[in-house]
Protein backbone atom coordinates (compact mmCIF):
# COMPACT_ATOMS: atom_id res chain seq x y z
CA MET A 1 82.16 123.67 147.73
CA ASN A 2 84.05 120.89 149.50
CA MET A 3 87.82 120.88 148.98
CA PHE A 4 87.84 117.46 147.33
CA LEU A 5 85.33 118.42 144.64
CA ARG A 6 87.16 121.69 143.99
CA SER A 7 90.44 119.79 143.64
CA LEU A 8 88.85 117.31 141.25
CA ILE A 9 87.43 120.05 139.01
CA GLU A 10 90.72 121.99 139.07
CA ARG A 11 92.60 118.90 137.90
CA LEU A 12 90.13 118.24 135.12
CA ILE A 13 89.25 121.65 133.70
CA ARG A 14 92.45 123.15 132.31
CA THR A 15 90.93 124.91 129.29
CA GLY A 16 87.49 126.46 128.72
CA ASN A 17 85.39 128.77 130.84
CA LEU A 18 83.47 126.98 133.60
CA THR A 19 81.92 128.61 136.64
CA VAL A 20 80.45 126.50 139.44
CA ILE A 21 78.11 127.92 142.06
CA ASP A 22 77.91 125.70 145.12
CA HIS A 23 74.88 125.04 147.34
CA LYS A 24 75.77 128.00 149.56
CA GLY A 25 75.87 130.41 146.63
CA ARG A 26 79.66 130.65 146.45
CA SER A 27 81.16 130.90 142.96
CA ALA A 28 84.43 129.46 141.61
CA SER A 29 85.85 129.66 138.10
CA PHE A 30 87.86 126.96 136.34
CA GLY A 31 89.82 126.72 133.08
CA ASP A 32 91.70 129.38 131.14
CA GLN A 33 88.53 131.41 130.53
CA SER A 34 88.65 130.73 126.79
CA GLY A 35 85.55 129.96 124.76
CA LYS A 36 81.89 130.07 125.70
CA ARG A 37 81.06 130.73 129.35
CA VAL A 38 79.30 127.84 131.06
CA THR A 39 77.81 128.29 134.54
CA VAL A 40 76.56 125.44 136.69
CA ALA A 41 74.67 125.70 139.97
CA ILE A 42 74.79 122.82 142.46
CA HIS A 43 71.80 123.08 144.76
CA SER A 44 72.63 120.57 147.50
CA ALA A 45 75.51 119.34 149.63
CA HIS A 46 74.38 115.83 148.74
CA ALA A 47 75.06 116.43 145.07
CA GLU A 48 78.49 117.88 145.84
CA ARG A 49 79.44 114.82 147.85
CA ALA A 50 78.08 112.39 145.28
CA ILE A 51 79.91 114.07 142.37
CA THR A 52 83.14 114.09 144.36
CA PHE A 53 83.13 110.33 144.86
CA ASP A 54 81.54 109.15 141.60
CA PRO A 55 81.23 111.96 139.04
CA VAL A 56 80.46 109.69 136.09
CA LEU A 57 77.20 108.54 137.69
CA ALA A 58 76.44 111.37 140.11
CA LEU A 59 76.64 114.23 137.63
CA PRO A 60 73.84 112.94 135.38
CA GLU A 61 71.78 111.68 138.33
CA SER A 62 72.08 115.05 140.07
CA TYR A 63 70.90 116.77 136.93
CA MET A 64 68.09 114.28 136.53
CA ASN A 65 66.93 114.90 140.12
CA GLY A 66 67.04 118.68 139.82
CA GLU A 67 70.06 119.09 142.10
CA ILE A 68 72.08 120.72 139.31
CA ASP A 69 71.13 123.32 136.72
CA VAL A 70 73.06 124.83 133.85
CA LEU A 71 72.51 128.60 134.13
CA GLU A 72 74.70 129.77 131.24
CA GLY A 73 75.16 127.69 128.13
CA ASP A 74 73.38 124.37 127.98
CA LEU A 75 74.01 120.74 128.87
CA LEU A 76 75.94 120.07 125.67
CA ASP A 77 78.18 123.08 126.32
CA LEU A 78 78.98 121.71 129.79
CA LEU A 79 79.79 118.28 128.40
CA GLU A 80 81.99 119.82 125.72
CA VAL A 81 84.12 121.48 128.39
CA ILE A 82 84.38 118.25 130.36
CA TYR A 83 85.10 115.93 127.42
CA LYS A 84 87.59 118.21 125.73
CA ASN A 85 89.55 118.32 128.98
CA ALA A 86 89.20 114.63 129.81
CA PRO A 87 92.21 113.47 127.71
CA THR A 88 94.47 115.90 129.62
CA LEU A 89 93.52 114.55 133.04
CA ASP A 90 96.75 113.03 134.32
CA VAL A 91 95.71 111.36 137.55
CA GLY A 92 92.09 111.14 138.68
CA ALA A 93 91.03 110.78 142.26
CA PHE A 94 91.87 107.37 143.69
CA TRP A 95 88.23 106.54 144.49
CA THR A 96 87.01 107.50 140.97
CA ARG A 97 89.67 105.22 139.42
CA MET A 98 88.58 102.46 141.77
CA ALA A 99 84.94 102.90 140.73
CA ASP A 100 85.85 102.76 137.02
CA GLY A 101 87.97 99.65 137.54
CA PHE A 102 85.19 97.98 139.50
CA ARG A 103 82.69 98.62 136.68
CA HIS A 104 85.06 97.23 134.06
CA GLY A 105 85.55 94.10 136.14
CA LEU A 106 81.80 93.58 136.44
CA ARG A 107 80.90 94.25 132.81
CA ARG A 108 80.53 90.60 131.82
CA LEU A 109 78.18 89.96 134.71
CA GLN A 110 76.17 93.07 133.84
CA GLN A 111 75.89 91.90 130.22
CA PHE A 112 74.82 88.35 130.97
CA ASN A 113 71.80 88.72 128.73
CA THR A 114 69.80 85.51 128.83
CA THR A 115 66.69 85.33 126.68
CA GLU A 116 64.40 86.50 129.47
CA ARG A 117 66.78 89.13 130.77
CA ALA A 118 67.28 90.49 127.26
CA ARG A 119 63.51 90.80 126.86
CA ARG A 120 63.19 92.70 130.16
CA ASN A 121 66.03 95.02 129.22
CA VAL A 122 64.49 95.82 125.83
CA ARG A 123 61.08 96.52 127.33
CA ARG A 124 62.61 99.00 129.80
CA HIS A 125 63.49 101.32 126.94
CA TYR A 126 61.62 100.42 123.77
CA ASP A 127 58.18 99.83 125.30
CA LEU A 128 57.85 103.47 126.30
CA SER A 129 55.08 105.60 124.84
CA ARG A 130 54.82 105.53 121.07
CA GLU A 131 54.02 109.22 121.19
CA LEU A 132 57.35 109.91 122.89
CA TYR A 133 59.26 108.46 119.96
CA ARG A 134 57.11 110.27 117.43
CA LEU A 135 57.93 113.56 119.15
CA PHE A 136 61.68 113.37 118.48
CA LEU A 137 62.36 110.79 115.78
CA ASP A 138 61.84 111.23 112.04
CA THR A 139 58.47 110.34 110.52
CA ASP A 140 59.66 106.78 109.79
CA LEU A 141 60.61 106.25 113.45
CA GLN A 142 64.22 105.34 112.68
CA TYR A 143 65.88 105.01 116.11
CA SER A 144 69.45 104.57 114.88
CA CYS A 145 72.20 106.55 113.23
CA ALA A 146 71.22 108.40 110.07
CA TYR A 147 73.52 108.76 107.06
CA PHE A 148 74.27 112.38 106.20
CA ALA A 149 75.47 112.06 102.63
CA ARG A 150 75.29 115.87 102.57
CA PRO A 151 75.62 118.09 105.66
CA ASP A 152 72.48 120.06 104.80
CA MET A 153 70.19 116.99 104.83
CA THR A 154 67.06 116.99 106.94
CA LEU A 155 66.76 114.18 109.44
CA GLU A 156 64.09 112.52 107.27
CA LYS A 157 66.31 112.55 104.20
CA ALA A 158 69.36 111.34 106.14
CA GLN A 159 67.42 108.40 107.56
CA LEU A 160 66.17 107.54 104.09
CA ALA A 161 69.78 107.70 102.86
CA LYS A 162 70.75 105.28 105.65
CA LYS A 163 68.18 102.75 104.45
CA ARG A 164 69.43 103.09 100.85
CA HIS A 165 73.03 102.71 102.01
CA LEU A 166 72.26 99.46 103.82
CA ALA A 167 70.07 98.14 100.99
CA ALA A 168 72.85 98.78 98.47
CA LYS A 169 75.38 96.89 100.57
CA LEU A 170 73.00 93.92 100.87
CA ALA A 171 73.03 93.53 97.07
CA LEU A 172 69.40 92.36 97.10
CA ARG A 173 67.63 90.56 94.28
CA PRO A 174 63.85 90.29 93.86
CA GLY A 175 62.27 87.35 95.65
CA GLN A 176 65.03 86.91 98.21
CA THR A 177 64.35 86.41 101.93
CA VAL A 178 65.65 88.93 104.42
CA LEU A 179 65.92 88.65 108.21
CA ASP A 180 65.96 91.95 110.13
CA ILE A 181 67.32 91.25 113.63
CA GLY A 182 66.08 93.98 115.96
CA CYS A 183 63.62 95.43 113.47
CA GLY A 184 62.68 98.46 115.54
CA PHE A 185 59.46 100.11 114.41
CA GLY A 186 59.65 98.31 111.07
CA GLY A 187 60.88 101.15 108.85
CA LEU A 188 63.85 99.38 107.28
CA GLY A 189 62.02 96.10 106.72
CA LEU A 190 59.11 97.88 105.09
CA TYR A 191 61.48 99.88 102.89
CA LEU A 192 63.17 96.70 101.64
CA ALA A 193 59.88 94.90 101.06
CA ARG A 194 58.27 97.88 99.33
CA ASN A 195 61.19 98.99 97.16
CA LEU A 196 63.23 95.88 96.45
CA ASP A 197 60.56 93.19 96.11
CA VAL A 198 61.91 90.93 98.86
CA ASP A 199 60.27 88.99 101.68
CA VAL A 200 61.23 90.33 105.13
CA LEU A 201 60.97 88.78 108.56
CA GLY A 202 61.60 91.36 111.28
CA ILE A 203 62.13 90.21 114.84
CA THR A 204 62.11 92.24 118.06
CA LEU A 205 61.74 91.74 121.80
CA SER A 206 59.63 94.89 122.19
CA GLU A 207 55.86 94.45 122.17
CA GLU A 208 55.35 98.13 121.32
CA GLN A 209 57.73 97.96 118.36
CA LEU A 210 56.05 94.77 117.16
CA ALA A 211 52.61 96.40 117.33
CA ILE A 212 53.71 99.47 115.38
CA ALA A 213 55.61 97.50 112.73
CA THR A 214 52.66 95.14 112.20
CA GLU A 215 50.19 98.05 111.95
CA ARG A 216 52.39 99.75 109.39
CA ALA A 217 52.65 96.65 107.25
CA GLN A 218 48.88 96.37 107.29
CA GLN A 219 48.38 100.05 106.47
CA GLU A 220 50.65 99.74 103.44
CA GLY A 221 49.23 96.42 102.29
CA LEU A 222 52.61 94.71 102.71
CA GLU A 223 51.57 91.88 105.03
CA ASP A 224 52.49 89.34 102.37
CA ARG A 225 56.06 90.74 102.01
CA ALA A 226 56.88 92.05 105.51
CA HIS A 227 56.12 90.04 108.63
CA PHE A 228 57.14 90.92 112.20
CA GLU A 229 57.44 88.65 115.20
CA LEU A 230 58.36 88.77 118.90
CA ARG A 231 61.37 86.46 118.80
CA ASP A 232 64.89 86.17 120.15
CA TYR A 233 67.63 85.66 117.55
CA ARG A 234 68.78 82.57 119.44
CA LYS A 235 65.46 80.84 118.68
CA LEU A 236 65.69 81.14 114.88
CA GLY A 237 65.90 78.04 112.72
CA GLU A 238 65.00 79.27 109.23
CA ARG A 239 67.64 80.17 106.63
CA PHE A 240 67.79 83.49 104.82
CA ASP A 241 69.39 84.99 101.72
CA ARG A 242 70.19 88.19 103.57
CA ILE A 243 70.48 89.27 107.22
CA VAL A 244 70.52 92.88 108.43
CA SER A 245 70.79 94.13 111.99
CA VAL A 246 70.71 97.82 112.84
CA GLY A 247 71.15 99.17 116.35
CA MET A 248 70.53 95.81 118.01
CA PHE A 249 74.07 94.47 118.50
CA GLU A 250 74.62 97.00 121.32
CA HIS A 251 72.17 94.90 123.37
CA VAL A 252 73.76 91.50 122.74
CA GLY A 253 76.47 91.73 125.43
CA VAL A 254 80.12 90.77 125.08
CA ASN A 255 79.47 87.31 126.59
CA HIS A 256 77.17 86.45 123.69
CA TYR A 257 79.11 87.66 120.63
CA ARG A 258 80.21 84.17 119.69
CA ALA A 259 76.63 82.83 119.99
CA PHE A 260 75.30 85.74 117.92
CA PHE A 261 77.67 85.25 114.99
CA ASP A 262 77.48 81.46 115.17
CA LYS A 263 73.70 81.70 114.84
CA CYS A 264 73.99 84.15 111.94
CA ALA A 265 76.45 81.86 110.16
CA THR A 266 74.07 78.94 110.62
CA ILE A 267 70.96 80.65 109.26
CA LEU A 268 72.66 82.59 106.43
CA LYS A 269 72.52 80.71 103.13
CA PRO A 270 75.86 79.77 101.47
CA ASP A 271 75.64 82.67 99.01
CA GLY A 272 74.10 85.04 101.57
CA VAL A 273 75.12 88.51 102.70
CA MET A 274 74.81 90.06 106.17
CA MET A 275 75.00 93.72 107.20
CA LEU A 276 75.71 94.62 110.82
CA HIS A 277 75.22 98.27 111.80
CA SER A 278 76.18 99.07 115.39
CA ILE A 279 77.55 101.75 117.67
CA GLY A 280 81.17 101.04 118.49
CA ARG A 281 84.22 102.65 120.00
CA SER A 282 87.46 103.51 118.25
CA GLY A 283 89.40 102.98 121.46
CA PRO A 284 90.05 99.79 123.46
CA PRO A 285 87.32 97.80 125.27
CA SER A 286 85.70 99.62 128.14
CA ALA A 287 82.55 99.43 130.29
CA THR A 288 79.11 100.90 129.81
CA THR A 289 78.80 104.26 131.57
CA PRO A 290 76.87 103.70 134.80
CA PHE A 291 74.16 106.29 134.01
CA ILE A 292 73.33 104.62 130.68
CA ARG A 293 73.41 101.12 132.18
CA LYS A 294 71.26 102.06 135.17
CA HIS A 295 68.70 104.40 133.63
CA ILE A 296 68.65 104.07 129.83
CA PHE A 297 69.95 100.76 128.42
CA PRO A 298 70.28 98.05 131.07
CA GLY A 299 72.43 95.22 129.75
CA GLY A 300 73.75 97.35 126.91
CA TYR A 301 77.37 97.63 125.82
CA ILE A 302 79.25 99.50 123.08
CA PRO A 303 81.98 97.25 121.74
CA ALA A 304 85.43 97.90 120.35
CA LEU A 305 86.13 96.31 116.97
CA SER A 306 88.84 94.25 118.69
CA GLU A 307 86.04 92.46 120.57
CA VAL A 308 83.77 91.94 117.56
CA LEU A 309 86.15 90.72 114.85
CA PRO A 310 87.51 87.69 116.74
CA ALA A 311 83.97 86.41 117.27
CA ILE A 312 83.24 86.85 113.55
CA GLU A 313 86.43 84.99 112.60
CA ARG A 314 85.60 82.05 114.85
CA SER A 315 82.07 81.80 113.40
CA GLY A 316 83.35 81.14 109.89
CA LEU A 317 81.84 84.32 108.45
CA GLU A 318 84.07 86.47 106.24
CA VAL A 319 84.36 90.23 106.58
CA THR A 320 84.00 91.72 103.10
CA ASP A 321 83.62 95.40 103.96
CA VAL A 322 83.93 97.69 106.99
CA GLU A 323 82.81 101.31 107.03
CA ILE A 324 83.19 103.69 109.98
CA LEU A 325 80.58 106.46 110.31
CA ARG A 326 82.21 109.07 112.53
CA LEU A 327 80.09 112.19 113.12
CA HIS A 328 76.88 110.90 111.52
CA TYR A 329 75.43 109.85 114.88
CA ALA A 330 76.41 113.12 116.53
CA ASP A 331 74.40 114.95 113.91
CA THR A 332 71.51 112.49 114.26
CA LEU A 333 71.44 113.06 118.02
CA LYS A 334 71.57 116.82 117.50
CA HIS A 335 68.30 116.58 115.52
CA TRP A 336 66.74 114.29 118.14
CA ARG A 337 67.74 116.56 121.01
CA GLN A 338 66.39 119.66 119.25
CA ARG A 339 63.07 117.93 118.57
CA PHE A 340 62.90 116.58 122.10
CA LEU A 341 63.42 120.05 123.57
CA ALA A 342 60.87 121.56 121.17
CA ASN A 343 58.29 119.07 122.43
CA ARG A 344 59.43 119.00 126.05
CA ASP A 345 56.14 120.28 127.51
CA ARG A 346 54.18 117.47 125.89
CA ILE A 347 56.74 114.86 126.98
CA ARG A 348 56.46 116.13 130.56
CA GLU A 349 52.70 115.63 130.34
CA ILE A 350 53.22 112.03 129.22
CA TYR A 351 55.82 111.30 131.91
CA ASP A 352 57.23 113.89 134.33
CA GLU A 353 60.00 116.45 134.84
CA ARG A 354 62.50 113.88 136.10
CA PHE A 355 61.99 111.78 132.97
CA CYS A 356 62.56 114.84 130.77
CA ARG A 357 65.79 115.73 132.55
CA MET A 358 66.99 112.12 132.38
CA TRP A 359 66.43 112.01 128.61
CA GLU A 360 67.95 115.45 128.11
CA PHE A 361 71.16 114.15 129.68
CA TYR A 362 70.98 110.90 127.71
CA LEU A 363 70.64 112.72 124.37
CA ALA A 364 73.19 115.43 125.13
CA GLY A 365 75.63 112.96 126.65
CA SER A 366 75.33 110.64 123.66
CA GLU A 367 75.90 113.49 121.19
CA ALA A 368 78.92 114.62 123.19
CA GLY A 369 80.31 111.08 123.16
CA PHE A 370 80.25 110.98 119.36
CA ARG A 371 81.65 114.52 118.99
CA TRP A 372 84.42 114.52 121.57
CA GLN A 373 85.04 110.98 122.72
CA ASP A 374 85.78 107.68 120.97
CA LEU A 375 82.25 106.66 119.91
CA MET A 376 81.47 105.90 116.26
CA VAL A 377 79.23 103.59 114.20
CA PHE A 378 80.55 100.65 112.21
CA GLN A 379 78.90 98.83 109.33
CA ILE A 380 80.36 95.39 108.76
CA GLN A 381 79.43 93.41 105.65
CA LEU A 382 79.71 89.63 106.04
CA THR A 383 79.42 86.62 103.74
CA ARG A 384 80.10 82.92 103.91
CA ARG A 385 82.04 82.85 100.62
CA ASN A 386 84.56 85.30 99.25
CA ASP A 387 83.05 85.25 95.74
CA THR A 388 79.50 86.27 96.75
CA LEU A 389 79.87 89.97 95.97
CA PRO A 390 81.66 92.05 93.29
CA ILE A 391 85.36 92.58 93.98
CA THR A 392 85.07 96.38 94.01
CA ARG A 393 82.73 98.66 95.94
CA ASP A 394 81.37 100.37 92.82
CA TYR A 395 78.14 98.39 92.95
CA ILE A 396 77.20 100.11 96.23
CA GLY A 397 77.15 103.59 94.73
CA VAL A 398 75.34 102.40 91.62
CA ALA A 399 72.61 100.76 93.72
CA GLU A 400 72.27 103.83 95.95
CA ASP A 401 71.85 106.13 92.95
CA ARG A 402 69.21 103.85 91.50
CA LEU A 403 67.30 103.72 94.78
CA ALA A 404 67.60 107.50 95.27
CA ASP A 405 66.14 108.11 91.82
CA ALA A 406 63.25 105.74 92.61
CA ASP A 407 62.66 107.38 95.99
CA GLU A 408 62.28 110.78 94.34
CA HIS A 409 59.31 109.45 92.37
CA ARG A 410 57.73 107.30 95.05
CA PRO A 411 55.32 108.50 97.79
CA HIS A 412 56.65 107.92 101.27
CA SER A 413 55.02 105.55 103.74
CA PRO A 414 52.54 106.98 106.25
CA PRO A 415 53.83 107.67 109.75
CA ALA A 416 52.91 105.33 112.59
CA THR A 417 49.61 106.09 114.32
CA PRO A 418 49.63 107.21 117.98
CA THR A 419 48.85 104.85 120.80
CA ARG A 420 47.67 105.08 124.37
CA LYS A 421 49.35 107.24 126.94
CA ARG A 422 51.86 105.44 129.18
CA THR A 423 53.61 106.38 132.37
CA THR A 424 56.86 105.13 133.85
CA SER A 425 56.80 102.69 136.70
């Protein structure tokens, strides 16, 4: 192992039990040997050099390319050792600090998400094979943080609880119009239309999501209550009683926060309510990790609340409730990762080994970020008037209980049907 990489690991790993085997078969141990033993093998000098100069990008890329393997423990165990030691790292290597500073300086350029660029970015991730998503998501294809009201919940029940939680905060009344910005595979919109007697317009930039959501509405006979379109939020002109957006704000980009909330304020009726559900960070503003930006979510960014709230204030919308979901997404990702690994052979048939390793790191890295770093999920409730909603939060629990009781006696919607096999470009 080159002396620079060894020095970097020695400075980082103070606790834990990490063994690294270099490309020549030489072994070195790091940490205080406490906890679970994790052994990593680096198979090439190229990977050693790359990790030395840019570990944040090179570690996941080396794993993705088969230049690194975890021989004892698993990927999540390795990331636990790294992330639990990261806060104790006093001075990183000069070149790694330079790389991080460079990325932070470029983040606004990287998030310049015009309408066409946003569409391309979305298609990179969400227009993958439908079968892929069915192999690791719940049966309703909810691709966002679940709500574990109880720790023993199944993924399906926790995702259903998430939909109830959002519906309760929207304070819906029969006959109202609802806009779902970034509707995903249609599960939330269909739930609202089916269970709360409202008219839903779901918009997405993903053709695959649009096709699935439309098929599901037709299968359930809900075409007259739930309609889905391929549209950008900036092109909307209609007005709505309610707006909900789940897992889409991460793709807006910090340059466009003001435009996003200004548009929402314009199309939300005077007595309307909006719910924004998004991944966020509890720490200060940062930059998207280079692996995620390059390989998973181009143009994506996880905001700090200090970046979001000023844009809301300038739009004229009023914040009426903020809830922070801390470990809910870590537990959601744990379920996704377990299901992904259980179906890994089939996923490799759809794509290839490199794709599987890329997504393994994405899922494990995301779970680790919510468990041991500063990632969380925020739900912000917004109105245009301060007298739109009750002055206590009691109505939320009452509505959730009512919906839960109804869900117990209602058959669930059918899962989405499979589609053609796709391959990556």
